[in-house]
Amino acid sequence: MDFFPSNTIPNAECIIPRINASITNRTIIAIDKMLKEFDIGEDLVCLVNTVHDSLAYEVKDSHVEWFMEALTAVSQAPIPELWNEVFKLDCAYGQNWTDAEMAA
């Protein structure tokens, strides 16, 4: 079933964004802004990887608890563009990605 006429825009493709990717990008930007506000450098907290809608940060042991609380607060803030919807965050930490995933 065609939802759009094929000649709407010549030589163009239909792009359907996924909302979880937008929320993930929004979260990365919000966390980066928060880290700058608190003057937390990459020597203490650093985004090292993203996979789909998961983020992996490397965090100094001295900042793990603080970052977990801050990450939860930032990630679960209402999103005005989505009618102030709040999305659940599974957040955990471990010595590696597998340990953190298993703990979440």
Protein backbone atom coordinates (compact mmCIF):
# COMPACT_ATOMS: atom_id res chain seq x y z
CA MET A 1 0.00 0.00 0.00
CA ASP A 2 1.43 3.38 -0.99
CA PHE A 3 0.84 6.11 1.57
CA PHE A 4 2.53 8.81 -0.48
CA PRO A 5 2.30 9.42 -4.22
CA SER A 6 5.57 8.45 -5.85
CA ASN A 7 5.89 11.81 -7.56
CA THR A 8 5.49 14.05 -4.49
CA ILE A 9 9.20 14.92 -4.48
CA PRO A 10 11.21 13.73 -7.47
CA ASN A 11 14.26 11.56 -6.64
CA ALA A 12 13.37 11.39 -2.95
CA GLU A 13 12.93 8.62 -0.39
CA CYS A 14 10.37 8.37 2.40
CA ILE A 15 12.00 8.69 5.80
CA ILE A 16 10.19 7.48 8.88
CA PRO A 17 11.98 8.47 12.08
CA ARG A 18 11.79 6.23 15.10
CA ILE A 19 10.83 7.99 18.29
CA ASN A 20 13.24 6.00 20.48
CA ALA A 21 16.19 7.28 18.43
CA SER A 22 14.97 10.85 18.96
CA ILE A 23 14.62 10.30 22.71
CA THR A 24 18.10 8.75 22.86
CA ASN A 25 19.64 11.70 21.00
CA ARG A 26 17.74 14.15 23.20
CA THR A 27 19.04 12.34 26.29
CA ILE A 28 22.66 12.45 25.07
CA ILE A 29 22.38 16.20 24.46
CA ALA A 30 20.72 16.82 27.85
CA ILE A 31 23.35 14.77 29.70
CA ASP A 32 26.16 16.56 27.88
CA LYS A 33 24.65 19.92 28.86
CA MET A 34 24.29 18.80 32.49
CA LEU A 35 27.91 17.61 32.63
CA LYS A 36 29.10 20.98 31.31
CA GLU A 37 26.94 22.83 33.86
CA PHE A 38 28.52 20.82 36.70
CA ASP A 39 31.98 21.14 35.14
CA ILE A 40 32.34 17.36 34.90
CA GLY A 41 35.03 16.54 32.35
CA GLU A 42 35.58 13.46 30.22
CA ASP A 43 38.17 12.31 32.73
CA LEU A 44 35.24 11.62 35.11
CA VAL A 45 32.29 10.78 32.82
CA CYS A 46 32.57 9.88 29.14
CA LEU A 47 30.07 8.52 26.63
CA VAL A 48 31.87 5.56 25.06
CA ASN A 49 29.21 3.79 23.02
CA THR A 50 25.61 3.79 21.84
CA VAL A 51 23.69 0.77 20.59
CA HIS A 52 20.13 1.38 19.38
CA ASP A 53 18.52 3.04 22.42
CA SER A 54 21.23 2.09 24.93
CA LEU A 55 24.05 4.33 26.11
CA ALA A 56 27.32 3.25 27.69
CA TYR A 57 29.23 5.73 29.82
CA GLU A 58 32.59 5.20 31.46
CA VAL A 59 32.40 6.78 34.91
CA LYS A 60 35.06 7.13 37.59
CA ASP A 61 34.18 5.10 40.68
CA SER A 62 33.96 8.31 42.72
CA HIS A 63 31.13 9.62 40.49
CA VAL A 64 29.06 6.48 39.81
CA GLU A 65 26.29 7.12 42.35
CA TRP A 66 26.05 10.82 41.45
CA PHE A 67 25.90 10.03 37.74
CA MET A 68 23.25 7.34 38.17
CA GLU A 69 21.00 9.82 40.01
CA ALA A 70 21.69 12.62 37.53
CA LEU A 71 21.19 10.35 34.52
CA THR A 72 17.87 9.13 35.88
CA ALA A 73 16.67 12.69 36.56
CA VAL A 74 17.67 13.93 33.11
CA SER A 75 16.38 10.87 31.24
CA GLN A 76 13.02 10.77 32.97
CA ALA A 77 12.20 14.45 32.59
CA PRO A 78 8.86 15.10 30.86
CA ILE A 79 9.16 15.67 27.11
CA PRO A 80 6.98 18.64 26.11
CA GLU A 81 6.92 17.66 22.42
CA LEU A 82 5.38 14.33 23.44
CA TRP A 83 2.64 15.77 25.62
CA ASN A 84 4.92 15.76 28.70
CA GLU A 85 5.22 12.00 28.55
CA VAL A 86 7.80 10.46 30.89
CA PHE A 87 9.65 7.34 29.81
CA LYS A 88 11.01 4.66 32.13
CA LEU A 89 14.77 4.28 32.30
CA ASP A 90 16.55 1.03 33.07
CA CYS A 91 19.89 2.08 34.48
CA ALA A 92 22.60 -0.08 36.00
CA TYR A 93 26.36 -0.29 36.15
CA GLY A 94 29.01 -2.94 36.03
CA GLN A 95 32.63 -3.55 35.13
CA ASN A 96 31.60 -4.08 31.49
CA TRP A 97 28.59 -3.79 29.16
CA THR A 98 27.39 -7.35 29.89
CA ASP A 99 27.46 -6.86 33.66
CA ALA A 100 25.57 -3.56 33.37
CA GLU A 101 22.96 -5.06 31.01
CA MET A 102 22.42 -8.03 33.33
CA ALA A 103 21.97 -5.70 36.32
CA ALA A 104 19.44 -3.42 34.57
